[in-house]
Structures are given as structure tokens and as C-alpha cells.
Amino acid sequence: MSLDEAAKQLQQIHAQLASEGGGKDKHKATAEPQEVYRQWATFNIADELYAIDVMQVKEVLRFTDITPVPGAPKGVLGIINLRGNVVTVVSSRTLFHLPDHEIDHNTRIVVVEFDDQEVVGILVDGVDEVLNLSENATERAPGVIRDDSTRQFVQGVCYREEQLIILLDLDKMLSGFKQMSEAG
């Protein structure tokens, strides 16, 4: 093969790689940052949509009878037996400083694990769905929440189809609940 033929063949290879998106452009495409998504379990409280990291949700139960515990702090509704394990059930409405709500067919107990070891049931008005939300679509929580005990566990907000979703930090939320229940 002559030098001219080799040069033509090399040009053809470069042209083919360029048309296929290969070569240097291919390396640039893989170096671009990928969009990161997180999964969130959403639930309703007082007609607002909230979300927690789905990895902390153990299961969602239909409402079942809760055995009251004498002397329990405000907001602790009692305990349930979940396959031989005792689970404390707390009121999300008490935590959010909202009035009580009548139990209906939508009421659920979201069983969560927080603090890498504790399992707690959170009574919510209803559950919605599991969403994949882009971290780029998440905004910091607005500074309009005046109640410091609530603001500390709002991790951020996100809009989906014009609906506001309040993203909660479960560990901070339930730690805040512990502090609140110990005080009152």
C-alpha cells in the first residue's frame, strides 16, 4: 500500500468515526455530568404532599388498631404488633402542629427506619406514589416557614405537574419529634 492510499484510508476512517459520533467527541460525551435521580415515597397530610427517601420506608400498612400507652408523650398514639415486633406509632399531624383528622379508608401507617436502627410508624392521611425526582429539580426550602421546629426537617421542595412536594429529612423529623415529645 502506498503512502497516498494509506492517507486516504486514514481519512475515510476519521470520516466514519466522525459520522458515528466516535473519536474525541465520544470521550467528551461520557465525561459530561449525568443527571442524578432519587426515589421518594409521597404521602398526604392536610391536603399537602410530602415525601421521604424511599430507602427508609419499610412498608405501608392500612390503618389498624393502635394500643394506647399510658403516660406516652403527646403525639405518640401508641403501639402496634407488626409480625411479632412492637412498633411505636406517632402522629404526623402532631409533629406538623396540625389538628387531628378523622381516620378514614385512606389513612395509612408508614413504617420507617431512621437513625439506622429505630423502626417507627407514622400515621398519615394517605399515601400517594413513589417518584423519581431529579436532584437538579429540587430547590432549597423557602425561608417563609416561621416555626423553627418544622423548618429544620424540610430538606427542600420540588414541583411536579404544578404540585408542590415538600421533601423531608426523616432523621431530623423524628429526632425533632423525640425532642418535642420529651418536652411536652
N, C-alpha and C. Protein backbone atom coordinates (compact mmCIF):
# COMPACT_ATOMS: atom_id res chain seq x y z
N MET A 1 0.85 -1.15 0.00
CA MET A 1 0.00 0.00 0.00
C MET A 1 0.91 1.23 0.00
N SER A 2 0.58 2.14 -0.87
CA SER A 2 1.40 3.35 -0.99
C SER A 2 1.02 4.32 0.13
N LEU A 3 1.82 5.33 0.29
CA LEU A 3 1.60 6.34 1.31
C LEU A 3 0.32 7.11 1.03
N ASP A 4 0.04 7.42 -0.24
CA ASP A 4 -1.19 8.13 -0.60
C ASP A 4 -2.43 7.29 -0.28
N GLU A 5 -2.37 5.99 -0.57
CA GLU A 5 -3.51 5.10 -0.28
C GLU A 5 -3.74 4.99 1.22
N ALA A 6 -2.69 4.93 2.00
CA ALA A 6 -2.79 4.86 3.45
C ALA A 6 -3.42 6.14 4.01
N ALA A 7 -3.03 7.29 3.44
CA ALA A 7 -3.58 8.57 3.88
C ALA A 7 -5.07 8.65 3.57
N LYS A 8 -5.48 8.18 2.38
CA LYS A 8 -6.90 8.16 2.00
C LYS A 8 -7.68 7.24 2.93
N GLN A 9 -7.12 6.08 3.24
CA GLN A 9 -7.80 5.13 4.11
C GLN A 9 -7.95 5.74 5.51
N LEU A 10 -6.93 6.43 5.99
CA LEU A 10 -6.98 7.08 7.29
C LEU A 10 -8.05 8.16 7.31
N GLN A 11 -8.16 8.94 6.21
CA GLN A 11 -9.20 9.96 6.12
C GLN A 11 -10.59 9.34 6.15
N GLN A 12 -10.76 8.21 5.48
CA GLN A 12 -12.04 7.51 5.48
C GLN A 12 -12.39 7.03 6.88
N ILE A 13 -11.41 6.52 7.60
CA ILE A 13 -11.66 6.05 8.97
C ILE A 13 -12.07 7.22 9.86
N HIS A 14 -11.37 8.36 9.75
CA HIS A 14 -11.73 9.55 10.53
C HIS A 14 -13.13 10.04 10.17
N ALA A 15 -13.46 10.05 8.89
CA ALA A 15 -14.79 10.48 8.45
C ALA A 15 -15.87 9.54 9.01
N GLN A 16 -15.61 8.25 8.99
CA GLN A 16 -16.56 7.27 9.51
C GLN A 16 -16.74 7.45 11.02
N LEU A 17 -15.66 7.63 11.75
CA LEU A 17 -15.75 7.83 13.20
C LEU A 17 -16.51 9.11 13.52
N ALA A 18 -16.27 10.17 12.76
CA ALA A 18 -16.96 11.43 13.00
C ALA A 18 -18.46 11.30 12.73
N SER A 19 -18.84 10.56 11.69
CA SER A 19 -20.26 10.39 11.39
C SER A 19 -20.97 9.50 12.42
N GLU A 20 -20.22 8.60 13.06
CA GLU A 20 -20.79 7.73 14.08
C GLU A 20 -20.75 8.35 15.47
N GLY A 21 -20.17 9.53 15.58
CA GLY A 21 -20.07 10.18 16.88
C GLY A 21 -18.93 9.65 17.72
N GLY A 22 -17.99 8.97 17.11
CA GLY A 22 -16.87 8.38 17.84
C GLY A 22 -15.74 9.36 17.99
N GLY A 23 -14.57 8.84 18.20
CA GLY A 23 -13.37 9.67 18.30
C GLY A 23 -13.38 10.52 19.55
N LYS A 24 -12.84 11.75 19.43
CA LYS A 24 -12.71 12.65 20.57
C LYS A 24 -14.07 13.05 21.12
N ASP A 25 -15.08 13.25 20.24
CA ASP A 25 -16.40 13.65 20.69
C ASP A 25 -17.02 12.60 21.61
N LYS A 26 -16.73 11.34 21.35
CA LYS A 26 -17.28 10.27 22.17
C LYS A 26 -16.76 10.38 23.61
N HIS A 27 -15.51 10.71 23.79
CA HIS A 27 -14.95 10.84 25.13
C HIS A 27 -15.54 12.05 25.85
N LYS A 28 -15.82 13.12 25.12
CA LYS A 28 -16.43 14.29 25.72
C LYS A 28 -17.83 13.97 26.21
N ALA A 29 -18.60 13.19 25.46
CA ALA A 29 -19.97 12.86 25.83
C ALA A 29 -20.01 12.05 27.13
N THR A 30 -19.07 11.15 27.31
CA THR A 30 -19.08 10.35 28.52
C THR A 30 -18.56 11.12 29.73
N ALA A 31 -17.83 12.20 29.52
CA ALA A 31 -17.29 12.98 30.62
C ALA A 31 -18.30 13.98 31.16
N GLU A 32 -19.40 14.22 30.45
CA GLU A 32 -20.42 15.16 30.92
C GLU A 32 -21.09 14.61 32.16
N PRO A 33 -21.44 15.48 33.11
CA PRO A 33 -22.09 15.00 34.33
C PRO A 33 -23.48 14.42 34.01
N GLN A 34 -23.76 13.30 34.64
CA GLN A 34 -25.05 12.64 34.45
C GLN A 34 -26.05 13.22 35.44
N GLU A 35 -27.32 13.29 35.04
CA GLU A 35 -28.35 13.78 35.93
C GLU A 35 -28.64 12.70 36.97
N VAL A 36 -28.70 13.09 38.25
CA VAL A 36 -28.90 12.15 39.34
C VAL A 36 -30.34 12.21 39.80
N TYR A 37 -30.94 11.04 39.94
CA TYR A 37 -32.32 10.93 40.40
C TYR A 37 -32.36 10.22 41.74
N ARG A 38 -33.30 10.59 42.58
CA ARG A 38 -33.55 9.90 43.85
C ARG A 38 -35.00 9.50 43.89
N GLN A 39 -35.28 8.40 44.58
CA GLN A 39 -36.66 7.95 44.72
C GLN A 39 -37.23 8.45 46.03
N TRP A 40 -38.46 8.94 45.96
CA TRP A 40 -39.15 9.49 47.12
C TRP A 40 -40.52 8.84 47.25
N ALA A 41 -40.89 8.48 48.47
CA ALA A 41 -42.23 7.97 48.77
C ALA A 41 -43.06 9.18 49.19
N THR A 42 -44.18 9.37 48.54
CA THR A 42 -45.01 10.55 48.83
C THR A 42 -46.26 10.16 49.61
N PHE A 43 -46.69 11.09 50.47
CA PHE A 43 -47.88 10.88 51.27
C PHE A 43 -48.55 12.23 51.53
N ASN A 44 -49.81 12.16 51.93
CA ASN A 44 -50.61 13.37 52.15
C ASN A 44 -50.85 13.60 53.64
N ILE A 45 -50.75 14.86 54.01
CA ILE A 45 -51.14 15.31 55.34
C ILE A 45 -51.81 16.66 55.14
N ALA A 46 -53.06 16.76 55.53
CA ALA A 46 -53.82 18.01 55.43
C ALA A 46 -53.75 18.60 54.02
N ASP A 47 -54.01 17.78 53.03
CA ASP A 47 -54.06 18.20 51.62
C ASP A 47 -52.74 18.73 51.07
N GLU A 48 -51.63 18.45 51.74
CA GLU A 48 -50.30 18.80 51.25
C GLU A 48 -49.57 17.51 50.92
N LEU A 49 -48.68 17.56 49.94
CA LEU A 49 -47.93 16.39 49.53
C LEU A 49 -46.51 16.47 50.09
N TYR A 50 -46.13 15.44 50.83
CA TYR A 50 -44.81 15.34 51.44
C TYR A 50 -44.11 14.12 50.88
N ALA A 51 -42.78 14.10 51.01
CA ALA A 51 -42.01 12.95 50.52
C ALA A 51 -40.84 12.67 51.44
N ILE A 52 -40.53 11.37 51.57
CA ILE A 52 -39.35 10.94 52.30
C ILE A 52 -38.58 9.97 51.41
N ASP A 53 -37.31 9.81 51.70
CA ASP A 53 -36.46 8.92 50.93
C ASP A 53 -37.05 7.51 50.99
N VAL A 54 -37.30 6.92 49.84
CA VAL A 54 -37.96 5.61 49.77
C VAL A 54 -37.12 4.52 50.43
N MET A 55 -35.81 4.72 50.51
CA MET A 55 -34.94 3.71 51.13
C MET A 55 -35.18 3.57 52.63
N GLN A 56 -35.84 4.55 53.24
CA GLN A 56 -36.12 4.48 54.67
C GLN A 56 -37.49 3.87 54.96
N VAL A 57 -38.31 3.66 53.93
CA VAL A 57 -39.64 3.11 54.12
C VAL A 57 -39.56 1.58 54.14
N LYS A 58 -40.03 1.01 55.23
CA LYS A 58 -40.05 -0.45 55.35
C LYS A 58 -41.31 -1.02 54.70
N GLU A 59 -42.44 -0.42 55.02
CA GLU A 59 -43.71 -0.84 54.44
C GLU A 59 -44.80 0.17 54.76
N VAL A 60 -45.92 0.03 54.07
CA VAL A 60 -47.07 0.87 54.29
C VAL A 60 -48.23 -0.04 54.68
N LEU A 61 -48.86 0.28 55.82
CA LEU A 61 -49.94 -0.55 56.35
C LEU A 61 -51.27 0.20 56.30
N ARG A 62 -52.33 -0.56 56.07
CA ARG A 62 -53.66 0.02 56.27
C ARG A 62 -53.79 0.32 57.75
N PHE A 63 -54.66 1.26 58.08
CA PHE A 63 -54.83 1.59 59.48
C PHE A 63 -55.28 0.36 60.25
N THR A 64 -54.69 0.15 61.38
CA THR A 64 -55.04 -0.95 62.28
C THR A 64 -55.18 -0.36 63.68
N ASP A 65 -55.84 -1.10 64.55
CA ASP A 65 -56.00 -0.61 65.91
C ASP A 65 -54.64 -0.38 66.56
N ILE A 66 -54.53 0.76 67.20
CA ILE A 66 -53.30 1.14 67.88
C ILE A 66 -53.57 1.04 69.38
N THR A 67 -52.73 0.32 70.09
CA THR A 67 -52.89 0.17 71.53
C THR A 67 -52.27 1.38 72.22
N PRO A 68 -53.08 2.15 72.94
CA PRO A 68 -52.54 3.33 73.62
C PRO A 68 -51.55 2.91 74.71
N VAL A 69 -50.58 3.77 74.97
CA VAL A 69 -49.60 3.53 76.03
C VAL A 69 -49.82 4.60 77.09
N PRO A 70 -50.20 4.18 78.31
CA PRO A 70 -50.43 5.18 79.38
C PRO A 70 -49.17 6.00 79.64
N GLY A 71 -49.35 7.30 79.75
CA GLY A 71 -48.23 8.18 80.04
C GLY A 71 -47.34 8.50 78.85
N ALA A 72 -47.75 8.07 77.66
CA ALA A 72 -46.94 8.35 76.47
C ALA A 72 -46.94 9.84 76.18
N PRO A 73 -45.85 10.35 75.63
CA PRO A 73 -45.78 11.78 75.30
C PRO A 73 -46.82 12.15 74.24
N LYS A 74 -47.13 13.42 74.19
CA LYS A 74 -48.08 13.93 73.19
C LYS A 74 -47.55 13.58 71.80
N GLY A 75 -48.42 13.09 70.97
CA GLY A 75 -48.03 12.73 69.61
C GLY A 75 -47.75 11.25 69.43
N VAL A 76 -47.45 10.55 70.51
CA VAL A 76 -47.29 9.10 70.42
C VAL A 76 -48.68 8.50 70.58
N LEU A 77 -49.16 7.90 69.50
CA LEU A 77 -50.51 7.37 69.51
C LEU A 77 -50.59 6.03 70.23
N GLY A 78 -49.48 5.31 70.24
CA GLY A 78 -49.45 4.02 70.91
C GLY A 78 -48.54 3.07 70.17
N ILE A 79 -48.85 1.77 70.28
CA ILE A 79 -48.01 0.75 69.65
C ILE A 79 -48.87 -0.22 68.86
N ILE A 80 -48.23 -0.86 67.87
CA ILE A 80 -48.86 -1.93 67.11
C ILE A 80 -47.92 -3.13 67.12
N ASN A 81 -48.49 -4.29 66.88
CA ASN A 81 -47.70 -5.51 66.76
C ASN A 81 -47.53 -5.78 65.27
N LEU A 82 -46.30 -5.74 64.82
CA LEU A 82 -46.01 -5.98 63.41
C LEU A 82 -45.17 -7.24 63.30
N ARG A 83 -45.86 -8.35 63.03
CA ARG A 83 -45.21 -9.65 62.90
C ARG A 83 -44.28 -9.96 64.08
N GLY A 84 -44.82 -9.74 65.29
CA GLY A 84 -44.06 -10.07 66.50
C GLY A 84 -43.17 -8.95 67.01
N ASN A 85 -43.08 -7.86 66.28
CA ASN A 85 -42.26 -6.72 66.73
C ASN A 85 -43.18 -5.57 67.15
N VAL A 86 -42.82 -4.93 68.24
CA VAL A 86 -43.59 -3.78 68.73
C VAL A 86 -43.08 -2.54 68.02
N VAL A 87 -44.02 -1.81 67.40
CA VAL A 87 -43.67 -0.59 66.66
C VAL A 87 -44.46 0.57 67.27
N THR A 88 -43.75 1.63 67.64
CA THR A 88 -44.38 2.84 68.14
C THR A 88 -44.97 3.61 66.96
N VAL A 89 -46.20 4.09 67.13
CA VAL A 89 -46.87 4.86 66.08
C VAL A 89 -47.00 6.30 66.56
N VAL A 90 -46.53 7.23 65.71
CA VAL A 90 -46.60 8.65 66.04
C VAL A 90 -47.52 9.37 65.05
N SER A 91 -48.03 10.50 65.48
CA SER A 91 -48.94 11.30 64.66
C SER A 91 -48.17 12.34 63.87
N SER A 92 -48.26 12.27 62.56
CA SER A 92 -47.61 13.29 61.72
C SER A 92 -48.28 14.64 61.93
N ARG A 93 -49.56 14.63 62.22
CA ARG A 93 -50.28 15.89 62.41
C ARG A 93 -49.79 16.61 63.67
N THR A 94 -49.51 15.87 64.72
CA THR A 94 -48.97 16.50 65.94
C THR A 94 -47.60 17.09 65.64
N LEU A 95 -46.79 16.35 64.92
CA LEU A 95 -45.46 16.81 64.56
C LEU A 95 -45.51 18.10 63.75
N PHE A 96 -46.50 18.20 62.87
CA PHE A 96 -46.63 19.38 62.00
C PHE A 96 -47.53 20.45 62.61
N HIS A 97 -47.90 20.28 63.87
CA HIS A 97 -48.74 21.24 64.58
C HIS A 97 -50.07 21.46 63.88
N LEU A 98 -50.69 20.36 63.46
CA LEU A 98 -51.99 20.41 62.77
C LEU A 98 -53.05 19.75 63.65
N PRO A 99 -54.31 20.14 63.47
CA PRO A 99 -55.38 19.49 64.25
C PRO A 99 -55.54 18.03 63.84
N ASP A 100 -56.07 17.23 64.76
CA ASP A 100 -56.31 15.82 64.46
C ASP A 100 -57.28 15.67 63.30
N HIS A 101 -57.22 14.52 62.66
CA HIS A 101 -58.04 14.22 61.50
C HIS A 101 -58.74 12.89 61.75
N GLU A 102 -59.97 12.79 61.31
CA GLU A 102 -60.71 11.54 61.49
C GLU A 102 -60.10 10.43 60.63
N ILE A 103 -59.98 9.26 61.21
CA ILE A 103 -59.44 8.10 60.49
C ILE A 103 -60.46 7.70 59.42
N ASP A 104 -59.98 7.48 58.19
CA ASP A 104 -60.86 7.02 57.11
C ASP A 104 -60.18 5.92 56.31
N HIS A 105 -60.77 5.52 55.19
CA HIS A 105 -60.24 4.40 54.40
C HIS A 105 -58.89 4.73 53.73
N ASN A 106 -58.50 6.00 53.67
CA ASN A 106 -57.21 6.39 53.09
C ASN A 106 -56.08 6.43 54.12
N THR A 107 -56.40 6.47 55.39
CA THR A 107 -55.40 6.59 56.45
C THR A 107 -54.44 5.41 56.42
N ARG A 108 -53.15 5.71 56.52
CA ARG A 108 -52.13 4.66 56.47
C ARG A 108 -51.10 4.88 57.57
N ILE A 109 -50.41 3.80 57.88
CA ILE A 109 -49.25 3.86 58.78
C ILE A 109 -48.03 3.55 57.93
N VAL A 110 -47.15 4.53 57.80
CA VAL A 110 -45.92 4.34 57.03
C VAL A 110 -44.84 3.91 58.03
N VAL A 111 -44.40 2.67 57.89
CA VAL A 111 -43.38 2.13 58.79
C VAL A 111 -42.02 2.47 58.19
N VAL A 112 -41.22 3.20 58.98
CA VAL A 112 -39.93 3.69 58.50
C VAL A 112 -38.82 3.28 59.45
N GLU A 113 -37.61 3.26 58.91
CA GLU A 113 -36.42 3.06 59.73
C GLU A 113 -35.64 4.36 59.71
N PHE A 114 -35.30 4.83 60.89
CA PHE A 114 -34.49 6.04 60.95
C PHE A 114 -33.39 5.85 61.98
N ASP A 115 -32.43 6.70 61.92
CA ASP A 115 -31.29 6.64 62.83
C ASP A 115 -30.57 5.30 62.73
N ASP A 116 -30.65 4.67 61.55
CA ASP A 116 -30.01 3.40 61.23
C ASP A 116 -30.40 2.23 62.13
N GLN A 117 -31.45 2.38 62.94
CA GLN A 117 -31.82 1.27 63.80
C GLN A 117 -33.26 1.28 64.27
N GLU A 118 -33.84 2.45 64.51
CA GLU A 118 -35.18 2.51 65.07
C GLU A 118 -36.24 2.37 63.98
N VAL A 119 -37.30 1.63 64.31
CA VAL A 119 -38.43 1.46 63.42
C VAL A 119 -39.63 2.13 64.08
N VAL A 120 -40.27 3.02 63.32
CA VAL A 120 -41.40 3.80 63.83
C VAL A 120 -42.48 3.82 62.77
N GLY A 121 -43.73 3.83 63.21
CA GLY A 121 -44.86 4.00 62.30
C GLY A 121 -45.32 5.45 62.35
N ILE A 122 -45.56 6.03 61.19
CA ILE A 122 -46.03 7.41 61.10
C ILE A 122 -47.44 7.37 60.53
N LEU A 123 -48.40 7.89 61.27
CA LEU A 123 -49.79 7.94 60.80
C LEU A 123 -49.94 9.12 59.85
N VAL A 124 -50.37 8.83 58.61
CA VAL A 124 -50.56 9.87 57.59
C VAL A 124 -51.99 9.78 57.05
N ASP A 125 -52.45 10.86 56.43
CA ASP A 125 -53.81 10.89 55.89
C ASP A 125 -53.98 9.97 54.69
N GLY A 126 -52.91 9.75 53.94
CA GLY A 126 -52.96 8.86 52.78
C GLY A 126 -51.61 8.79 52.12
N VAL A 127 -51.38 7.74 51.35
CA VAL A 127 -50.13 7.62 50.61
C VAL A 127 -50.42 7.88 49.15
N ASP A 128 -49.40 8.32 48.43
CA ASP A 128 -49.59 8.67 47.03
C ASP A 128 -48.85 7.69 46.14
N GLU A 129 -47.55 7.94 45.89
CA GLU A 129 -46.78 7.09 44.99
C GLU A 129 -45.30 7.24 45.25
N VAL A 130 -44.51 6.45 44.57
CA VAL A 130 -43.06 6.58 44.61
C VAL A 130 -42.65 7.33 43.35
N LEU A 131 -41.86 8.40 43.55
CA LEU A 131 -41.45 9.24 42.43
C LEU A 131 -39.94 9.23 42.26
N ASN A 132 -39.50 9.32 41.04
CA ASN A 132 -38.09 9.56 40.72
C ASN A 132 -37.96 11.04 40.45
N LEU A 133 -37.25 11.74 41.31
CA LEU A 133 -37.09 13.18 41.16
C LEU A 133 -35.62 13.52 40.93
N SER A 134 -35.39 14.36 39.96
CA SER A 134 -34.04 14.80 39.66
C SER A 134 -33.55 15.72 40.77
N GLU A 135 -32.31 15.53 41.18
CA GLU A 135 -31.75 16.42 42.20
C GLU A 135 -31.64 17.84 41.66
N ASN A 136 -31.54 18.00 40.35
CA ASN A 136 -31.49 19.33 39.75
C ASN A 136 -32.83 20.05 39.87
N ALA A 137 -33.93 19.30 39.98
CA ALA A 137 -35.25 19.90 40.09
C ALA A 137 -35.60 20.26 41.53
N THR A 138 -34.76 19.85 42.47
CA THR A 138 -35.02 20.12 43.88
C THR A 138 -34.49 21.50 44.24
N GLU A 139 -35.32 22.26 44.93
CA GLU A 139 -34.93 23.60 45.37
C GLU A 139 -34.81 23.62 46.88
N ARG A 140 -34.04 24.54 47.38
CA ARG A 140 -33.95 24.70 48.84
C ARG A 140 -35.31 25.13 49.36
N ALA A 141 -35.57 24.77 50.60
CA ALA A 141 -36.84 25.17 51.22
C ALA A 141 -36.90 26.67 51.35
N PRO A 142 -38.03 27.27 51.01
CA PRO A 142 -38.15 28.72 51.16
C PRO A 142 -38.07 29.12 52.62
N GLY A 143 -37.61 30.32 52.89
CA GLY A 143 -37.47 30.80 54.25
C GLY A 143 -38.73 31.36 54.86
N VAL A 144 -39.90 30.98 54.33
CA VAL A 144 -41.15 31.54 54.84
C VAL A 144 -41.73 30.74 56.00
N ILE A 145 -41.14 29.58 56.28
CA ILE A 145 -41.64 28.78 57.39
C ILE A 145 -41.11 29.41 58.67
N ARG A 146 -42.02 29.86 59.52
CA ARG A 146 -41.59 30.58 60.71
C ARG A 146 -41.33 29.67 61.89
N ASP A 147 -41.97 28.52 61.91
CA ASP A 147 -41.82 27.61 63.04
C ASP A 147 -40.51 26.84 62.89
N ASP A 148 -39.52 27.19 63.69
CA ASP A 148 -38.20 26.55 63.60
C ASP A 148 -38.26 25.05 63.81
N SER A 149 -39.19 24.58 64.64
CA SER A 149 -39.26 23.14 64.90
C SER A 149 -39.70 22.37 63.65
N THR A 150 -40.41 23.03 62.74
CA THR A 150 -40.83 22.39 61.49
C THR A 150 -39.80 22.62 60.39
N ARG A 151 -39.29 23.82 60.28
CA ARG A 151 -38.36 24.17 59.21
C ARG A 151 -37.11 23.29 59.22
N GLN A 152 -36.67 22.88 60.39
CA GLN A 152 -35.41 22.13 60.48
C GLN A 152 -35.44 20.80 59.75
N PHE A 153 -36.61 20.22 59.53
CA PHE A 153 -36.63 18.94 58.84
C PHE A 153 -37.17 19.01 57.42
N VAL A 154 -37.40 20.20 56.91
CA VAL A 154 -37.75 20.36 55.50
C VAL A 154 -36.44 20.45 54.72
N GLN A 155 -36.18 19.42 53.93
CA GLN A 155 -34.92 19.32 53.18
C GLN A 155 -34.95 20.16 51.91
N GLY A 156 -36.11 20.28 51.31
CA GLY A 156 -36.24 21.04 50.08
C GLY A 156 -37.64 20.90 49.54
N VAL A 157 -37.85 21.49 48.37
CA VAL A 157 -39.15 21.40 47.70
C VAL A 157 -38.92 21.08 46.23
N CYS A 158 -39.95 20.56 45.62
CA CYS A 158 -39.89 20.21 44.21
C CYS A 158 -41.29 20.39 43.63
N TYR A 159 -41.36 20.81 42.40
CA TYR A 159 -42.65 20.93 41.72
C TYR A 159 -42.77 19.83 40.69
N ARG A 160 -43.91 19.16 40.68
CA ARG A 160 -44.19 18.15 39.67
C ARG A 160 -45.62 18.37 39.18
N GLU A 161 -45.73 18.63 37.91
CA GLU A 161 -47.04 18.90 37.31
C GLU A 161 -47.79 19.97 38.11
N GLU A 162 -47.06 21.05 38.43
CA GLU A 162 -47.59 22.21 39.14
C GLU A 162 -48.02 21.92 40.57
N GLN A 163 -47.63 20.78 41.11
CA GLN A 163 -47.94 20.47 42.50
C GLN A 163 -46.66 20.53 43.32
N LEU A 164 -46.73 21.21 44.45
CA LEU A 164 -45.59 21.35 45.34
C LEU A 164 -45.42 20.07 46.16
N ILE A 165 -44.20 19.56 46.20
CA ILE A 165 -43.87 18.40 47.02
C ILE A 165 -42.83 18.86 48.03
N ILE A 166 -43.11 18.67 49.31
CA ILE A 166 -42.19 19.06 50.37
C ILE A 166 -41.36 17.84 50.73
N LEU A 167 -40.06 17.97 50.54
CA LEU A 167 -39.13 16.86 50.79
C LEU A 167 -38.63 16.94 52.22
N LEU A 168 -38.83 15.85 52.96
CA LEU A 168 -38.50 15.84 54.38
C LEU A 168 -37.24 15.03 54.67
N ASP A 169 -36.50 15.47 55.66
CA ASP A 169 -35.36 14.72 56.17
C ASP A 169 -35.91 13.92 57.35
N LEU A 170 -36.12 12.63 57.14
CA LEU A 170 -36.79 11.79 58.13
C LEU A 170 -36.03 11.73 59.45
N ASP A 171 -34.71 11.62 59.39
CA ASP A 171 -33.93 11.54 60.63
C ASP A 171 -34.12 12.80 61.47
N LYS A 172 -34.05 13.96 60.85
CA LYS A 172 -34.25 15.20 61.58
C LYS A 172 -35.69 15.33 62.06
N MET A 173 -36.63 14.89 61.23
CA MET A 173 -38.04 14.99 61.59
C MET A 173 -38.35 14.18 62.84
N LEU A 174 -37.90 12.93 62.88
CA LEU A 174 -38.22 12.09 64.02
C LEU A 174 -37.35 12.44 65.23
N SER A 175 -36.16 12.95 65.00
CA SER A 175 -35.36 13.45 66.13
C SER A 175 -36.05 14.66 66.73
N GLY A 176 -36.60 15.52 65.88
CA GLY A 176 -37.37 16.67 66.34
C GLY A 176 -38.60 16.23 67.11
N PHE A 177 -39.21 15.15 66.67
CA PHE A 177 -40.39 14.62 67.35
C PHE A 177 -39.99 14.12 68.74
N LYS A 178 -38.85 13.46 68.83
CA LYS A 178 -38.37 12.98 70.13
C LYS A 178 -38.17 14.15 71.09
N GLN A 179 -37.55 15.22 70.58
CA GLN A 179 -37.32 16.41 71.42
C GLN A 179 -38.63 17.02 71.86
N MET A 180 -39.59 17.11 70.91
CA MET A 180 -40.88 17.69 71.22
C MET A 180 -41.62 16.85 72.25
N SER A 181 -41.58 15.52 72.09
CA SER A 181 -42.31 14.63 72.99
C SER A 181 -41.66 14.60 74.37
N GLU A 182 -40.34 14.77 74.44
CA GLU A 182 -39.66 14.80 75.73
C GLU A 182 -40.00 16.07 76.48
N ALA A 183 -40.20 17.17 75.75
CA ALA A 183 -40.51 18.46 76.38
C ALA A 183 -41.96 18.53 76.83
N GLY A 184 -42.85 17.84 76.10
CA GLY A 184 -44.25 18.04 76.43
C GLY A 184 -44.93 16.79 76.72
